[in-house]
Amino acid sequence: MITLNETQVKELEQFINTIPTAYGLPLLQFLGKLAQEQNPQQVQTEENED
């Protein structure tokens, strides 16, 4: 078990709050770019059947 004092808890909260913006968005952008490069979107033509 780990015991944290109030200052340590505040520091941990500050670090946790930086994770989504510091790492999450760049990671999603990187993975999105890779997915686009590896799986280029194909133009699909839909034929209407009447």
N, C-alpha and C. Protein backbone atom coordinates (compact mmCIF):
# COMPACT_ATOMS: atom_id res chain seq x y z
N MET A 1 0.84 -1.18 0.00
CA MET A 1 0.00 0.00 0.00
C MET A 1 0.89 1.24 0.00
N ILE A 2 0.46 2.24 -0.75
CA ILE A 2 1.21 3.49 -0.83
C ILE A 2 0.41 4.58 -0.12
N THR A 3 1.11 5.36 0.67
CA THR A 3 0.47 6.46 1.36
C THR A 3 1.00 7.76 0.78
N LEU A 4 0.09 8.63 0.36
CA LEU A 4 0.47 9.91 -0.23
C LEU A 4 0.00 11.04 0.67
N ASN A 5 0.84 12.07 0.75
CA ASN A 5 0.39 13.23 1.50
C ASN A 5 -0.36 14.17 0.55
N GLU A 6 -0.89 15.25 1.07
CA GLU A 6 -1.73 16.14 0.27
C GLU A 6 -0.97 16.74 -0.91
N THR A 7 0.27 17.11 -0.71
CA THR A 7 1.08 17.69 -1.78
C THR A 7 1.31 16.67 -2.89
N GLN A 8 1.60 15.44 -2.50
CA GLN A 8 1.82 14.39 -3.49
C GLN A 8 0.56 14.09 -4.29
N VAL A 9 -0.58 14.13 -3.62
CA VAL A 9 -1.85 13.90 -4.30
C VAL A 9 -2.09 15.00 -5.33
N LYS A 10 -1.82 16.25 -4.96
CA LYS A 10 -2.00 17.37 -5.89
C LYS A 10 -1.07 17.24 -7.08
N GLU A 11 0.18 16.84 -6.84
CA GLU A 11 1.14 16.65 -7.93
C GLU A 11 0.67 15.53 -8.86
N LEU A 12 0.18 14.46 -8.29
CA LEU A 12 -0.33 13.35 -9.08
C LEU A 12 -1.54 13.78 -9.92
N GLU A 13 -2.44 14.54 -9.33
CA GLU A 13 -3.59 15.04 -10.07
C GLU A 13 -3.18 15.92 -11.24
N GLN A 14 -2.18 16.77 -11.02
CA GLN A 14 -1.70 17.64 -12.09
C GLN A 14 -1.11 16.81 -13.23
N PHE A 15 -0.35 15.79 -12.88
CA PHE A 15 0.24 14.93 -13.90
C PHE A 15 -0.85 14.20 -14.68
N ILE A 16 -1.81 13.64 -13.97
CA ILE A 16 -2.89 12.89 -14.61
C ILE A 16 -3.68 13.80 -15.56
N ASN A 17 -3.85 15.05 -15.18
CA ASN A 17 -4.60 15.99 -16.04
C ASN A 17 -3.84 16.34 -17.31
N THR A 18 -2.52 16.17 -17.33
CA THR A 18 -1.75 16.47 -18.54
C THR A 18 -1.75 15.31 -19.52
N ILE A 19 -2.07 14.11 -19.06
CA ILE A 19 -1.99 12.92 -19.92
C ILE A 19 -2.86 13.03 -21.17
N PRO A 20 -4.15 13.37 -21.07
CA PRO A 20 -4.97 13.40 -22.28
C PRO A 20 -4.46 14.38 -23.34
N THR A 21 -4.05 15.58 -22.92
CA THR A 21 -3.62 16.56 -23.90
C THR A 21 -2.18 16.33 -24.35
N ALA A 22 -1.33 15.89 -23.46
CA ALA A 22 0.07 15.71 -23.81
C ALA A 22 0.31 14.44 -24.62
N TYR A 23 -0.44 13.40 -24.33
CA TYR A 23 -0.19 12.11 -24.97
C TYR A 23 -1.36 11.59 -25.78
N GLY A 24 -2.56 11.82 -25.31
CA GLY A 24 -3.73 11.24 -25.96
C GLY A 24 -3.97 11.74 -27.37
N LEU A 25 -4.05 13.06 -27.54
CA LEU A 25 -4.32 13.62 -28.85
C LEU A 25 -3.21 13.33 -29.86
N PRO A 26 -1.94 13.54 -29.52
CA PRO A 26 -0.89 13.19 -30.49
C PRO A 26 -0.90 11.71 -30.86
N LEU A 27 -1.20 10.86 -29.90
CA LEU A 27 -1.25 9.43 -30.18
C LEU A 27 -2.40 9.10 -31.14
N LEU A 28 -3.57 9.70 -30.90
CA LEU A 28 -4.70 9.47 -31.80
C LEU A 28 -4.41 10.00 -33.21
N GLN A 29 -3.75 11.15 -33.29
CA GLN A 29 -3.40 11.70 -34.60
C GLN A 29 -2.41 10.79 -35.32
N PHE A 30 -1.43 10.28 -34.60
CA PHE A 30 -0.43 9.38 -35.17
C PHE A 30 -1.09 8.11 -35.69
N LEU A 31 -1.94 7.50 -34.87
CA LEU A 31 -2.61 6.27 -35.27
C LEU A 31 -3.57 6.52 -36.43
N GLY A 32 -4.25 7.66 -36.43
CA GLY A 32 -5.14 8.01 -37.53
C GLY A 32 -4.38 8.16 -38.84
N LYS A 33 -3.21 8.78 -38.77
CA LYS A 33 -2.39 8.96 -39.96
C LYS A 33 -1.92 7.61 -40.48
N LEU A 34 -1.49 6.74 -39.59
CA LEU A 34 -1.06 5.40 -40.01
C LEU A 34 -2.20 4.62 -40.64
N ALA A 35 -3.37 4.71 -40.04
CA ALA A 35 -4.52 3.99 -40.57
C ALA A 35 -4.87 4.49 -41.96
N GLN A 36 -4.77 5.80 -42.17
CA GLN A 36 -5.08 6.37 -43.47
C GLN A 36 -4.05 5.94 -44.52
N GLU A 37 -2.78 5.89 -44.12
CA GLU A 37 -1.73 5.49 -45.05
C GLU A 37 -1.85 4.02 -45.42
N GLN A 38 -2.18 3.19 -44.46
CA GLN A 38 -2.23 1.76 -44.69
C GLN A 38 -3.55 1.31 -45.30
N ASN A 39 -4.60 2.08 -45.08
CA ASN A 39 -5.92 1.73 -45.60
C ASN A 39 -6.53 2.94 -46.28
N PRO A 40 -6.02 3.29 -47.45
CA PRO A 40 -6.56 4.48 -48.12
C PRO A 40 -8.04 4.29 -48.44
N GLN A 41 -8.77 5.38 -48.30
CA GLN A 41 -10.20 5.32 -48.56
C GLN A 41 -10.43 5.14 -50.05
N GLN A 42 -11.28 4.21 -50.36
CA GLN A 42 -11.61 3.96 -51.75
C GLN A 42 -12.93 4.66 -52.06
N VAL A 43 -12.97 5.25 -53.22
CA VAL A 43 -14.20 5.91 -53.63
C VAL A 43 -15.20 4.84 -54.01
N GLN A 44 -16.31 4.86 -53.31
CA GLN A 44 -17.33 3.86 -53.58
C GLN A 44 -18.45 4.50 -54.39
N THR A 45 -18.81 3.84 -55.44
CA THR A 45 -19.94 4.32 -56.24
C THR A 45 -21.12 3.42 -55.98
N GLU A 46 -22.22 4.03 -55.64
CA GLU A 46 -23.42 3.27 -55.35
C GLU A 46 -24.35 3.37 -56.56
N GLU A 47 -24.81 2.24 -57.00
CA GLU A 47 -25.75 2.23 -58.12
C GLU A 47 -27.15 2.08 -57.57
N ASN A 48 -28.00 2.95 -58.00
CA ASN A 48 -29.40 2.89 -57.58
C ASN A 48 -30.12 1.84 -58.40
N GLU A 49 -30.72 0.91 -57.71
CA GLU A 49 -31.50 -0.11 -58.40
C GLU A 49 -32.97 0.19 -58.24
N ASP A 50 -33.62 0.47 -59.34
CA ASP A 50 -35.05 0.79 -59.29
C ASP A 50 -35.88 -0.37 -59.78
